[in-house]
N, C-alpha and C. Protein backbone atom coordinates (compact mmCIF):
# COMPACT_ATOMS: atom_id res chain seq x y z
N UNK A 1 2.87 39.63 219.86
CA UNK A 1 2.26 39.35 218.65
C UNK A 1 2.14 40.70 217.81
N UNK A 2 2.50 40.60 216.55
CA UNK A 2 2.42 41.82 215.80
C UNK A 2 1.02 42.08 215.23
N UNK A 3 0.83 43.29 214.76
CA UNK A 3 -0.50 43.69 214.35
C UNK A 3 -1.05 42.83 213.19
N UNK A 4 -0.22 42.46 212.23
CA UNK A 4 -0.67 41.68 211.09
C UNK A 4 -1.13 40.30 211.57
N UNK A 5 -0.42 39.68 212.52
CA UNK A 5 -0.77 38.44 213.04
C UNK A 5 -2.09 38.46 213.85
N UNK A 6 -2.24 39.56 214.61
CA UNK A 6 -3.53 39.77 215.31
C UNK A 6 -4.68 39.80 214.33
N UNK A 7 -4.48 40.62 213.26
CA UNK A 7 -5.54 40.76 212.27
C UNK A 7 -5.90 39.42 211.63
N UNK A 8 -4.82 38.67 211.26
CA UNK A 8 -5.07 37.36 210.68
C UNK A 8 -5.84 36.42 211.65
N UNK A 9 -5.51 36.47 212.89
CA UNK A 9 -6.12 35.62 213.91
C UNK A 9 -7.59 35.92 214.01
N UNK A 10 -7.95 37.23 214.11
CA UNK A 10 -9.36 37.57 214.26
C UNK A 10 -10.15 37.40 212.97
N UNK A 11 -9.51 37.65 211.85
CA UNK A 11 -10.15 37.49 210.55
C UNK A 11 -10.46 36.00 210.33
N UNK A 12 -9.45 35.16 210.70
CA UNK A 12 -9.66 33.70 210.52
C UNK A 12 -10.77 33.15 211.37
N UNK A 13 -10.80 33.61 212.66
CA UNK A 13 -11.86 33.24 213.57
C UNK A 13 -13.26 33.60 213.05
N UNK A 14 -13.35 34.85 212.52
CA UNK A 14 -14.63 35.31 211.90
C UNK A 14 -15.06 34.49 210.73
N UNK A 15 -14.04 34.18 209.83
CA UNK A 15 -14.34 33.39 208.68
C UNK A 15 -14.84 32.02 209.05
N UNK A 16 -14.32 31.41 210.10
CA UNK A 16 -14.76 30.07 210.57
C UNK A 16 -16.19 30.19 211.06
N UNK A 17 -16.54 31.22 211.80
CA UNK A 17 -17.87 31.41 212.30
C UNK A 17 -18.89 31.65 211.17
N UNK A 18 -18.43 32.41 210.18
CA UNK A 18 -19.36 32.67 209.02
C UNK A 18 -19.72 31.29 208.31
N UNK A 19 -18.75 30.48 208.16
CA UNK A 19 -19.00 29.19 207.49
C UNK A 19 -19.93 28.34 208.30
N UNK A 20 -19.74 28.29 209.62
CA UNK A 20 -20.63 27.54 210.52
C UNK A 20 -22.05 28.08 210.49
N UNK A 21 -22.14 29.41 210.51
CA UNK A 21 -23.43 30.07 210.49
C UNK A 21 -24.15 29.78 209.15
N UNK A 22 -23.44 29.83 208.08
CA UNK A 22 -24.08 29.60 206.72
C UNK A 22 -24.52 28.14 206.64
N UNK A 23 -23.77 27.23 207.20
CA UNK A 23 -24.18 25.81 207.20
C UNK A 23 -25.45 25.63 207.96
N UNK A 24 -25.56 26.29 209.11
CA UNK A 24 -26.77 26.20 209.92
C UNK A 24 -27.98 26.80 209.13
N UNK A 25 -27.77 27.93 208.52
CA UNK A 25 -28.85 28.50 207.69
C UNK A 25 -29.32 27.62 206.58
N UNK A 26 -28.34 26.92 205.91
CA UNK A 26 -28.71 25.96 204.85
C UNK A 26 -29.47 24.84 205.45
N UNK A 27 -28.97 24.30 206.56
CA UNK A 27 -29.67 23.11 207.22
C UNK A 27 -31.12 23.51 207.64
N UNK A 28 -31.36 24.71 208.07
CA UNK A 28 -32.63 25.11 208.54
C UNK A 28 -33.47 25.77 207.38
N UNK A 29 -32.82 25.84 206.20
CA UNK A 29 -33.50 26.39 204.96
C UNK A 29 -34.01 27.84 205.22
N UNK A 30 -33.14 28.66 205.77
CA UNK A 30 -33.38 30.12 205.92
C UNK A 30 -32.25 30.90 205.25
N UNK A 31 -32.55 32.05 204.83
CA UNK A 31 -31.53 32.94 204.25
C UNK A 31 -30.94 34.00 205.20
N UNK A 32 -31.49 33.98 206.37
CA UNK A 32 -31.03 34.93 207.40
C UNK A 32 -31.34 34.37 208.77
N UNK A 33 -30.43 34.66 209.75
CA UNK A 33 -30.73 34.17 211.12
C UNK A 33 -31.99 34.79 211.63
N UNK A 34 -32.36 35.98 211.24
CA UNK A 34 -33.56 36.61 211.73
C UNK A 34 -34.82 35.87 211.34
N UNK A 35 -34.74 35.04 210.34
CA UNK A 35 -35.85 34.27 209.88
C UNK A 35 -35.97 32.91 210.58
N UNK A 36 -35.06 32.61 211.46
CA UNK A 36 -34.99 31.36 212.16
C UNK A 36 -35.73 31.47 213.53
N UNK A 37 -36.44 30.38 213.81
CA UNK A 37 -37.17 30.36 215.09
C UNK A 37 -36.29 30.39 216.35
N UNK A 38 -35.04 30.02 216.10
CA UNK A 38 -34.04 30.03 217.29
C UNK A 38 -33.21 31.29 217.32
N UNK A 39 -33.61 32.28 216.60
CA UNK A 39 -32.86 33.54 216.48
C UNK A 39 -32.50 34.13 217.83
N UNK A 40 -33.47 34.29 218.73
CA UNK A 40 -33.23 34.81 220.04
C UNK A 40 -32.56 33.75 220.86
N UNK A 41 -31.40 34.06 221.41
CA UNK A 41 -30.67 33.11 222.26
C UNK A 41 -29.88 32.06 221.52
N UNK A 42 -29.71 32.18 220.24
CA UNK A 42 -28.94 31.22 219.43
C UNK A 42 -27.48 31.24 219.77
N UNK A 43 -26.88 30.11 220.21
CA UNK A 43 -25.51 30.06 220.58
C UNK A 43 -24.57 30.31 219.39
N UNK A 44 -24.89 29.73 218.25
CA UNK A 44 -24.03 29.98 217.03
C UNK A 44 -24.03 31.40 216.65
N UNK A 45 -25.14 32.03 216.60
CA UNK A 45 -25.26 33.47 216.27
C UNK A 45 -24.48 34.32 217.24
N UNK A 46 -24.59 34.01 218.51
CA UNK A 46 -23.87 34.68 219.55
C UNK A 46 -22.36 34.62 219.37
N UNK A 47 -21.92 33.43 219.04
CA UNK A 47 -20.47 33.19 218.71
C UNK A 47 -20.02 34.03 217.49
N UNK A 48 -20.89 34.03 216.52
CA UNK A 48 -20.63 34.84 215.28
C UNK A 48 -20.50 36.30 215.61
N UNK A 49 -21.45 36.85 216.42
CA UNK A 49 -21.50 38.24 216.76
C UNK A 49 -20.23 38.57 217.53
N UNK A 50 -19.84 37.71 218.46
CA UNK A 50 -18.62 37.92 219.25
C UNK A 50 -17.38 37.96 218.33
N UNK A 51 -17.30 37.01 217.41
CA UNK A 51 -16.19 37.01 216.51
C UNK A 51 -16.14 38.24 215.57
N UNK A 52 -17.30 38.67 215.14
CA UNK A 52 -17.35 39.90 214.32
C UNK A 52 -16.88 41.10 215.10
N UNK A 53 -17.33 41.20 216.34
CA UNK A 53 -16.87 42.33 217.16
C UNK A 53 -15.41 42.26 217.40
N UNK A 54 -14.88 41.08 217.74
CA UNK A 54 -13.43 40.94 217.98
C UNK A 54 -12.64 41.23 216.74
N UNK A 55 -13.16 40.91 215.57
CA UNK A 55 -12.48 41.19 214.34
C UNK A 55 -12.41 42.67 214.12
N UNK A 56 -13.47 43.38 214.45
CA UNK A 56 -13.48 44.85 214.26
C UNK A 56 -12.59 45.53 215.31
N UNK A 57 -12.49 44.99 216.51
CA UNK A 57 -11.72 45.62 217.58
C UNK A 57 -10.32 45.06 217.67
N UNK A 58 -10.10 43.97 216.94
CA UNK A 58 -8.75 43.27 216.98
C UNK A 58 -8.46 42.88 218.42
N UNK A 59 -9.52 42.49 219.17
CA UNK A 59 -9.35 41.96 220.50
C UNK A 59 -9.19 43.02 221.58
N UNK A 60 -9.19 44.30 221.22
CA UNK A 60 -9.09 45.37 222.16
C UNK A 60 -10.44 45.62 222.83
N UNK A 61 -10.48 46.09 224.01
CA UNK A 61 -11.70 46.51 224.68
C UNK A 61 -12.06 47.90 224.17
N UNK A 62 -13.33 48.17 224.14
CA UNK A 62 -13.82 49.52 223.77
C UNK A 62 -14.40 49.51 222.38
N UNK A 63 -14.39 50.66 221.78
CA UNK A 63 -15.00 50.82 220.46
C UNK A 63 -14.14 50.29 219.32
N UNK A 64 -14.71 50.25 218.13
CA UNK A 64 -14.02 49.81 216.99
C UNK A 64 -14.10 50.84 215.88
N UNK A 65 -13.20 50.74 214.93
CA UNK A 65 -13.09 51.63 213.81
C UNK A 65 -13.75 51.05 212.60
N UNK A 66 -14.70 51.72 211.99
CA UNK A 66 -15.40 51.25 210.79
C UNK A 66 -14.59 51.38 209.53
N UNK A 67 -13.45 52.01 209.57
CA UNK A 67 -12.61 52.20 208.38
C UNK A 67 -11.84 51.05 208.01
């Protein structure tokens, strides 16, 4: 798989998780996950964090580049 395809794959996965997370926030009438009673241990938020990390690392183990 080439680098552009990897980037698209991880960016797409993150975008999907963002949409799901925002729908949940709307449903619960909160503007941030931290304002939700289910914040600690929330499966959706955990999946979003994982997708965000994978988007930054492009699926590689270790650290990520903020640039």
